[in-house]
Amino acid sequence: GLYRFHSIHISGKGRLVFTGPAQVYVENDVEISGNGISTPGDLPTNLAFYVRGSHVSMSGSADLFAKLNAPHATVDISGDGDLYGTVIGREIIVRGHADIHYDEALNTYDEALNPPRKSDPLQVSVLSWREVDP
């Protein structure tokens, strides 16, 4: 589905559950802690966040499986929860035991929905990543 929120704040025992693929547009800030967000099959291709706000925080122990696009925001990932998928932010801060796990399936997913055009003023490229054994 397609969803639009003024802001998102999840804490304590709260949990946002999507039962199918979703695109979520958020006008302001996003704070995710507590039990976090659940997606079908925990696949990053099933959830896309588009955030216009200046701050996105993810803390606690819940994992997030998503494509997170917040080009004007400071994205602060802390605690024990990991982000599986992709993240775009003005600044990305990773603290604690948190990690970002890039999902290569999003390469095809993004290009199929948003093919690159030479006239685009902003191009986003993966500069590097490091693969580690579990």
N, C-alpha and C. Protein backbone atom coordinates (compact mmCIF):
# COMPACT_ATOMS: atom_id res chain seq x y z
N GLY A 1 0.82 -1.18 0.00
CA GLY A 1 0.00 0.00 0.00
C GLY A 1 0.86 1.24 0.00
N LEU A 2 0.20 2.35 -0.09
CA LEU A 2 0.83 3.66 -0.09
C LEU A 2 0.33 4.40 1.14
N TYR A 3 1.26 4.90 1.98
CA TYR A 3 0.91 5.55 3.24
C TYR A 3 1.61 6.88 3.34
N ARG A 4 0.94 7.84 4.00
CA ARG A 4 1.55 9.15 4.22
C ARG A 4 1.30 9.55 5.67
N PHE A 5 2.38 9.93 6.38
CA PHE A 5 2.32 10.31 7.78
C PHE A 5 2.95 11.68 7.98
N HIS A 6 2.45 12.41 8.98
CA HIS A 6 3.08 13.67 9.38
C HIS A 6 4.43 13.37 10.03
N SER A 7 4.45 12.38 10.94
CA SER A 7 5.68 11.91 11.59
C SER A 7 5.42 10.49 12.08
N ILE A 8 6.48 9.80 12.46
CA ILE A 8 6.36 8.45 13.02
C ILE A 8 7.18 8.40 14.29
N HIS A 9 6.55 7.90 15.35
CA HIS A 9 7.24 7.72 16.63
C HIS A 9 6.78 6.38 17.20
N ILE A 10 7.70 5.42 17.26
CA ILE A 10 7.40 4.09 17.80
C ILE A 10 8.32 3.87 18.99
N SER A 11 7.74 3.51 20.14
CA SER A 11 8.56 3.28 21.33
C SER A 11 7.89 2.24 22.22
N GLY A 12 8.61 1.86 23.27
CA GLY A 12 8.08 0.89 24.23
C GLY A 12 7.74 -0.43 23.56
N LYS A 13 6.52 -0.90 23.78
CA LYS A 13 6.08 -2.17 23.18
C LYS A 13 5.41 -1.95 21.83
N GLY A 14 5.45 -0.72 21.33
CA GLY A 14 4.82 -0.41 20.05
C GLY A 14 5.49 -1.11 18.90
N ARG A 15 4.71 -1.42 17.87
CA ARG A 15 5.23 -2.09 16.68
C ARG A 15 4.33 -1.72 15.51
N LEU A 16 4.91 -1.30 14.40
CA LEU A 16 4.17 -1.01 13.19
C LEU A 16 4.31 -2.23 12.28
N VAL A 17 3.16 -2.80 11.86
CA VAL A 17 3.18 -4.05 11.10
C VAL A 17 2.58 -3.81 9.71
N PHE A 18 3.33 -4.16 8.68
CA PHE A 18 2.84 -4.12 7.31
C PHE A 18 2.61 -5.56 6.86
N THR A 19 1.45 -5.83 6.26
CA THR A 19 1.12 -7.19 5.83
C THR A 19 1.41 -7.41 4.36
N GLY A 20 1.82 -6.37 3.65
CA GLY A 20 2.18 -6.46 2.24
C GLY A 20 3.20 -5.40 1.92
N PRO A 21 3.68 -5.36 0.69
CA PRO A 21 4.65 -4.33 0.30
C PRO A 21 4.07 -2.94 0.53
N ALA A 22 4.93 -2.00 0.96
CA ALA A 22 4.44 -0.66 1.29
C ALA A 22 5.47 0.41 0.94
N GLN A 23 4.93 1.57 0.56
CA GLN A 23 5.72 2.78 0.39
C GLN A 23 5.17 3.78 1.40
N VAL A 24 6.07 4.34 2.23
CA VAL A 24 5.67 5.23 3.31
C VAL A 24 6.33 6.58 3.11
N TYR A 25 5.51 7.63 3.04
CA TYR A 25 6.00 9.00 2.89
C TYR A 25 5.78 9.72 4.22
N VAL A 26 6.86 10.31 4.76
CA VAL A 26 6.80 10.98 6.06
C VAL A 26 7.26 12.43 5.88
N GLU A 27 6.41 13.37 6.29
CA GLU A 27 6.70 14.79 6.12
C GLU A 27 7.78 15.30 7.07
N ASN A 28 7.81 14.79 8.31
CA ASN A 28 8.75 15.28 9.31
C ASN A 28 9.66 14.15 9.78
N ASP A 29 9.92 14.10 11.07
CA ASP A 29 10.91 13.18 11.62
C ASP A 29 10.36 11.78 11.88
N VAL A 30 11.29 10.83 11.97
CA VAL A 30 10.97 9.43 12.24
C VAL A 30 11.81 8.97 13.42
N GLU A 31 11.16 8.35 14.43
CA GLU A 31 11.85 7.76 15.57
C GLU A 31 11.34 6.33 15.72
N ILE A 32 12.25 5.38 15.59
CA ILE A 32 11.89 3.97 15.68
C ILE A 32 12.67 3.34 16.82
N SER A 33 11.96 2.84 17.81
CA SER A 33 12.58 2.06 18.89
C SER A 33 11.54 1.03 19.32
N GLY A 34 11.68 0.48 20.48
CA GLY A 34 10.72 -0.53 20.91
C GLY A 34 10.79 -1.77 20.05
N ASN A 35 9.63 -2.25 19.63
CA ASN A 35 9.56 -3.47 18.81
C ASN A 35 9.68 -3.19 17.32
N GLY A 36 9.82 -1.92 16.95
CA GLY A 36 10.14 -1.55 15.58
C GLY A 36 9.05 -1.76 14.56
N ILE A 37 9.46 -2.21 13.38
CA ILE A 37 8.57 -2.34 12.22
C ILE A 37 8.74 -3.73 11.64
N SER A 38 7.60 -4.34 11.28
CA SER A 38 7.61 -5.68 10.70
C SER A 38 7.13 -5.61 9.26
N THR A 39 7.82 -6.34 8.38
CA THR A 39 7.44 -6.41 6.97
C THR A 39 7.28 -7.87 6.57
N PRO A 40 6.53 -8.14 5.51
CA PRO A 40 6.36 -9.53 5.07
C PRO A 40 7.69 -10.17 4.70
N GLY A 41 7.99 -11.28 5.33
CA GLY A 41 9.21 -12.02 5.03
C GLY A 41 10.49 -11.31 5.40
N ASP A 42 10.40 -10.20 6.11
CA ASP A 42 11.59 -9.41 6.44
C ASP A 42 12.46 -9.17 5.21
N LEU A 43 11.82 -8.70 4.14
CA LEU A 43 12.53 -8.39 2.90
C LEU A 43 12.59 -6.88 2.71
N PRO A 44 13.78 -6.31 2.55
CA PRO A 44 13.90 -4.86 2.35
C PRO A 44 13.15 -4.35 1.11
N THR A 45 12.93 -5.21 0.11
CA THR A 45 12.20 -4.78 -1.08
C THR A 45 10.71 -4.59 -0.80
N ASN A 46 10.23 -5.00 0.37
CA ASN A 46 8.82 -4.86 0.71
C ASN A 46 8.47 -3.56 1.41
N LEU A 47 9.48 -2.73 1.76
CA LEU A 47 9.18 -1.50 2.49
C LEU A 47 10.13 -0.38 2.05
N ALA A 48 9.55 0.75 1.65
CA ALA A 48 10.35 1.92 1.27
C ALA A 48 9.86 3.12 2.06
N PHE A 49 10.78 3.82 2.72
CA PHE A 49 10.49 5.05 3.46
C PHE A 49 11.07 6.23 2.69
N TYR A 50 10.27 7.27 2.51
CA TYR A 50 10.70 8.53 1.90
C TYR A 50 10.44 9.62 2.94
N VAL A 51 11.50 10.16 3.51
CA VAL A 51 11.38 11.09 4.65
C VAL A 51 11.85 12.48 4.23
N ARG A 52 11.01 13.49 4.50
CA ARG A 52 11.36 14.88 4.20
C ARG A 52 11.95 15.59 5.41
N GLY A 53 11.80 15.03 6.59
CA GLY A 53 12.27 15.66 7.82
C GLY A 53 13.78 15.71 7.93
N SER A 54 14.23 16.31 9.04
CA SER A 54 15.67 16.51 9.23
C SER A 54 16.31 15.49 10.18
N HIS A 55 15.49 14.57 10.74
CA HIS A 55 16.06 13.61 11.68
C HIS A 55 15.33 12.26 11.59
N VAL A 56 16.12 11.21 11.49
CA VAL A 56 15.62 9.83 11.55
C VAL A 56 16.46 9.11 12.59
N SER A 57 15.81 8.51 13.59
CA SER A 57 16.57 7.76 14.58
C SER A 57 16.00 6.36 14.69
N MET A 58 16.91 5.42 14.82
CA MET A 58 16.57 4.02 15.01
C MET A 58 17.40 3.54 16.19
N SER A 59 16.74 3.10 17.26
CA SER A 59 17.46 2.67 18.44
C SER A 59 16.79 1.43 19.02
N GLY A 60 17.42 0.87 20.02
CA GLY A 60 16.87 -0.33 20.63
C GLY A 60 17.42 -1.58 19.98
N SER A 61 16.66 -2.66 20.05
CA SER A 61 17.17 -3.94 19.54
C SER A 61 16.41 -4.45 18.32
N ALA A 62 15.41 -3.72 17.85
CA ALA A 62 14.64 -4.18 16.70
C ALA A 62 15.38 -3.92 15.40
N ASP A 63 15.34 -4.88 14.48
CA ASP A 63 15.93 -4.72 13.16
C ASP A 63 14.93 -4.04 12.24
N LEU A 64 15.43 -3.36 11.20
CA LEU A 64 14.58 -2.74 10.20
C LEU A 64 15.01 -3.27 8.84
N PHE A 65 14.04 -3.78 8.08
CA PHE A 65 14.27 -4.29 6.73
C PHE A 65 13.58 -3.32 5.77
N ALA A 66 14.35 -2.42 5.15
CA ALA A 66 13.71 -1.38 4.35
C ALA A 66 14.71 -0.64 3.48
N LYS A 67 14.14 0.10 2.55
CA LYS A 67 14.87 1.10 1.79
C LYS A 67 14.52 2.42 2.47
N LEU A 68 15.51 3.12 3.00
CA LEU A 68 15.29 4.37 3.73
C LEU A 68 15.91 5.51 2.94
N ASN A 69 15.07 6.42 2.46
CA ASN A 69 15.52 7.55 1.66
C ASN A 69 15.16 8.82 2.42
N ALA A 70 16.16 9.44 3.04
CA ALA A 70 15.98 10.65 3.84
C ALA A 70 17.12 11.61 3.52
N PRO A 71 17.14 12.18 2.32
CA PRO A 71 18.31 12.95 1.87
C PRO A 71 18.61 14.22 2.65
N HIS A 72 17.65 14.77 3.40
CA HIS A 72 17.87 16.00 4.16
C HIS A 72 18.07 15.73 5.65
N ALA A 73 18.10 14.47 6.03
CA ALA A 73 18.09 14.12 7.45
C ALA A 73 19.43 13.59 7.94
N THR A 74 19.65 13.79 9.24
CA THR A 74 20.69 13.06 9.94
C THR A 74 20.04 11.74 10.35
N VAL A 75 20.62 10.64 9.90
CA VAL A 75 20.11 9.31 10.21
C VAL A 75 20.99 8.74 11.31
N ASP A 76 20.41 8.51 12.48
CA ASP A 76 21.15 8.05 13.66
C ASP A 76 20.69 6.63 13.99
N ILE A 77 21.59 5.67 13.81
CA ILE A 77 21.29 4.26 14.07
C ILE A 77 22.14 3.84 15.26
N SER A 78 21.47 3.41 16.35
CA SER A 78 22.21 3.03 17.55
C SER A 78 21.55 1.85 18.21
N GLY A 79 22.20 1.33 19.24
CA GLY A 79 21.66 0.17 19.95
C GLY A 79 22.13 -1.13 19.35
N ASP A 80 21.26 -2.15 19.41
CA ASP A 80 21.61 -3.48 18.92
C ASP A 80 20.89 -3.83 17.62
N GLY A 81 19.96 -3.00 17.18
CA GLY A 81 19.20 -3.29 15.97
C GLY A 81 20.00 -2.96 14.72
N ASP A 82 19.81 -3.76 13.69
CA ASP A 82 20.50 -3.57 12.42
C ASP A 82 19.52 -3.09 11.36
N LEU A 83 20.04 -2.40 10.35
CA LEU A 83 19.25 -2.01 9.20
C LEU A 83 19.67 -2.89 8.03
N TYR A 84 18.70 -3.57 7.44
CA TYR A 84 18.93 -4.41 6.28
C TYR A 84 18.27 -3.74 5.09
N GLY A 85 19.04 -3.39 4.07
CA GLY A 85 18.49 -2.71 2.91
C GLY A 85 19.43 -1.63 2.44
N THR A 86 18.89 -0.41 2.28
CA THR A 86 19.71 0.74 1.88
C THR A 86 19.32 1.94 2.73
N VAL A 87 20.23 2.89 2.81
CA VAL A 87 19.95 4.13 3.53
C VAL A 87 20.61 5.29 2.79
N ILE A 88 19.83 6.35 2.61
CA ILE A 88 20.34 7.60 2.04
C ILE A 88 20.01 8.70 3.05
N GLY A 89 21.02 9.48 3.43
CA GLY A 89 20.81 10.56 4.38
C GLY A 89 21.84 11.65 4.18
N ARG A 90 21.54 12.83 4.71
CA ARG A 90 22.52 13.93 4.66
C ARG A 90 23.75 13.53 5.45
N GLU A 91 23.51 12.91 6.61
CA GLU A 91 24.58 12.40 7.46
C GLU A 91 24.08 11.09 8.06
N ILE A 92 24.93 10.09 8.12
CA ILE A 92 24.55 8.79 8.67
C ILE A 92 25.50 8.47 9.81
N ILE A 93 24.94 8.26 11.00
CA ILE A 93 25.72 7.96 12.20
C ILE A 93 25.32 6.57 12.68
N VAL A 94 26.30 5.70 12.85
CA VAL A 94 26.04 4.34 13.35
C VAL A 94 26.84 4.16 14.62
N ARG A 95 26.12 3.84 15.73
CA ARG A 95 26.77 3.70 17.04
C ARG A 95 26.34 2.40 17.70
N GLY A 96 27.03 2.08 18.79
CA GLY A 96 26.68 0.87 19.54
C GLY A 96 27.02 -0.38 18.75
N HIS A 97 26.15 -1.37 18.83
CA HIS A 97 26.37 -2.63 18.12
C HIS A 97 25.58 -2.68 16.82
N ALA A 98 25.01 -1.58 16.41
CA ALA A 98 24.21 -1.52 15.19
C ALA A 98 25.08 -1.66 13.95
N ASP A 99 24.50 -2.20 12.89
CA ASP A 99 25.17 -2.33 11.60
C ASP A 99 24.17 -2.06 10.49
N ILE A 100 24.71 -1.73 9.33
CA ILE A 100 23.90 -1.60 8.11
C ILE A 100 24.32 -2.73 7.19
N HIS A 101 23.33 -3.48 6.72
CA HIS A 101 23.58 -4.60 5.80
C HIS A 101 22.94 -4.24 4.46
N TYR A 102 23.76 -3.92 3.49
CA TYR A 102 23.27 -3.54 2.16
C TYR A 102 22.67 -4.76 1.47
N ASP A 103 21.46 -4.61 0.95
CA ASP A 103 20.79 -5.71 0.25
C ASP A 103 20.94 -5.50 -1.25
N GLU A 104 21.72 -6.35 -1.89
CA GLU A 104 21.98 -6.21 -3.32
C GLU A 104 20.72 -6.36 -4.17
N ALA A 105 19.68 -6.97 -3.63
CA ALA A 105 18.41 -7.10 -4.37
C ALA A 105 17.81 -5.74 -4.66
N LEU A 106 18.16 -4.72 -3.90
CA LEU A 106 17.62 -3.39 -4.12
C LEU A 106 18.21 -2.71 -5.35
N ASN A 107 19.35 -3.20 -5.87
CA ASN A 107 19.89 -2.66 -7.12
C ASN A 107 18.87 -2.82 -8.23
N THR A 108 18.40 -4.01 -8.44
CA THR A 108 17.42 -4.29 -9.48
C THR A 108 16.10 -3.61 -9.16
N TYR A 109 15.71 -3.66 -7.92
CA TYR A 109 14.45 -3.06 -7.46
C TYR A 109 14.40 -1.57 -7.76
N ASP A 110 15.45 -0.85 -7.42
CA ASP A 110 15.48 0.59 -7.64
C ASP A 110 15.52 0.94 -9.13
N GLU A 111 16.34 0.25 -9.88
CA GLU A 111 16.48 0.57 -11.29
C GLU A 111 15.21 0.26 -12.05
N ALA A 112 14.47 -0.76 -11.63
CA ALA A 112 13.23 -1.10 -12.31
C ALA A 112 12.17 -0.01 -12.09
N LEU A 113 12.12 0.55 -10.88
CA LEU A 113 11.12 1.57 -10.57
C LEU A 113 11.56 2.97 -10.96
N ASN A 114 12.84 3.23 -10.84
CA ASN A 114 13.37 4.57 -11.11
C ASN A 114 14.61 4.48 -11.99
N PRO A 115 14.42 4.24 -13.28
CA PRO A 115 15.61 4.12 -14.13
C PRO A 115 16.41 5.42 -14.14
N PRO A 116 17.74 5.32 -14.08
CA PRO A 116 18.56 6.53 -14.07
C PRO A 116 18.42 7.29 -15.39
N ARG A 117 18.41 8.62 -15.28
CA ARG A 117 18.35 9.47 -16.46
C ARG A 117 19.53 10.43 -16.42
N LYS A 118 20.09 10.71 -17.56
CA LYS A 118 21.24 11.61 -17.61
C LYS A 118 20.88 13.02 -17.20
N SER A 119 19.60 13.39 -17.30
CA SER A 119 19.20 14.75 -16.95
C SER A 119 19.00 14.94 -15.45
N ASP A 120 19.05 13.86 -14.66
CA ASP A 120 18.88 13.99 -13.22
C ASP A 120 20.01 14.81 -12.62
N PRO A 121 19.68 15.87 -11.84
CA PRO A 121 20.74 16.71 -11.27
C PRO A 121 21.52 16.00 -10.16
N LEU A 122 20.89 15.06 -9.48
CA LEU A 122 21.57 14.34 -8.40
C LEU A 122 21.66 12.86 -8.74
N GLN A 123 22.82 12.34 -8.66
CA GLN A 123 23.02 10.91 -8.88
C GLN A 123 23.54 10.31 -7.58
N VAL A 124 23.00 9.19 -7.18
CA VAL A 124 23.45 8.50 -5.98
C VAL A 124 24.15 7.23 -6.41
N SER A 125 25.34 7.02 -5.89
CA SER A 125 26.12 5.84 -6.23
C SER A 125 26.64 5.19 -4.97
N VAL A 126 26.76 3.89 -4.99
CA VAL A 126 27.40 3.17 -3.90
C VAL A 126 28.90 3.34 -4.10
N LEU A 127 29.55 3.98 -3.14
CA LEU A 127 30.99 4.22 -3.25
C LEU A 127 31.78 3.02 -2.81
N SER A 128 31.29 2.34 -1.77
CA SER A 128 31.99 1.15 -1.32
C SER A 128 31.10 0.39 -0.34
N TRP A 129 31.42 -0.85 -0.16
CA TRP A 129 30.84 -1.62 0.91
C TRP A 129 31.80 -2.73 1.27
N ARG A 130 31.60 -3.29 2.41
CA ARG A 130 32.50 -4.32 2.90
C ARG A 130 31.64 -5.53 3.24
N GLU A 131 31.97 -6.67 2.67
CA GLU A 131 31.26 -7.90 2.97
C GLU A 131 32.02 -8.64 4.06
N VAL A 132 31.30 -9.07 5.07
CA VAL A 132 31.92 -9.81 6.16
C VAL A 132 31.22 -11.15 6.33
N ASP A 133 31.96 -12.13 6.78
CA ASP A 133 31.38 -13.44 7.06
C ASP A 133 30.62 -13.37 8.38
N PRO A 134 29.44 -14.04 8.45
CA PRO A 134 28.68 -14.02 9.72
C PRO A 134 29.41 -14.70 10.84
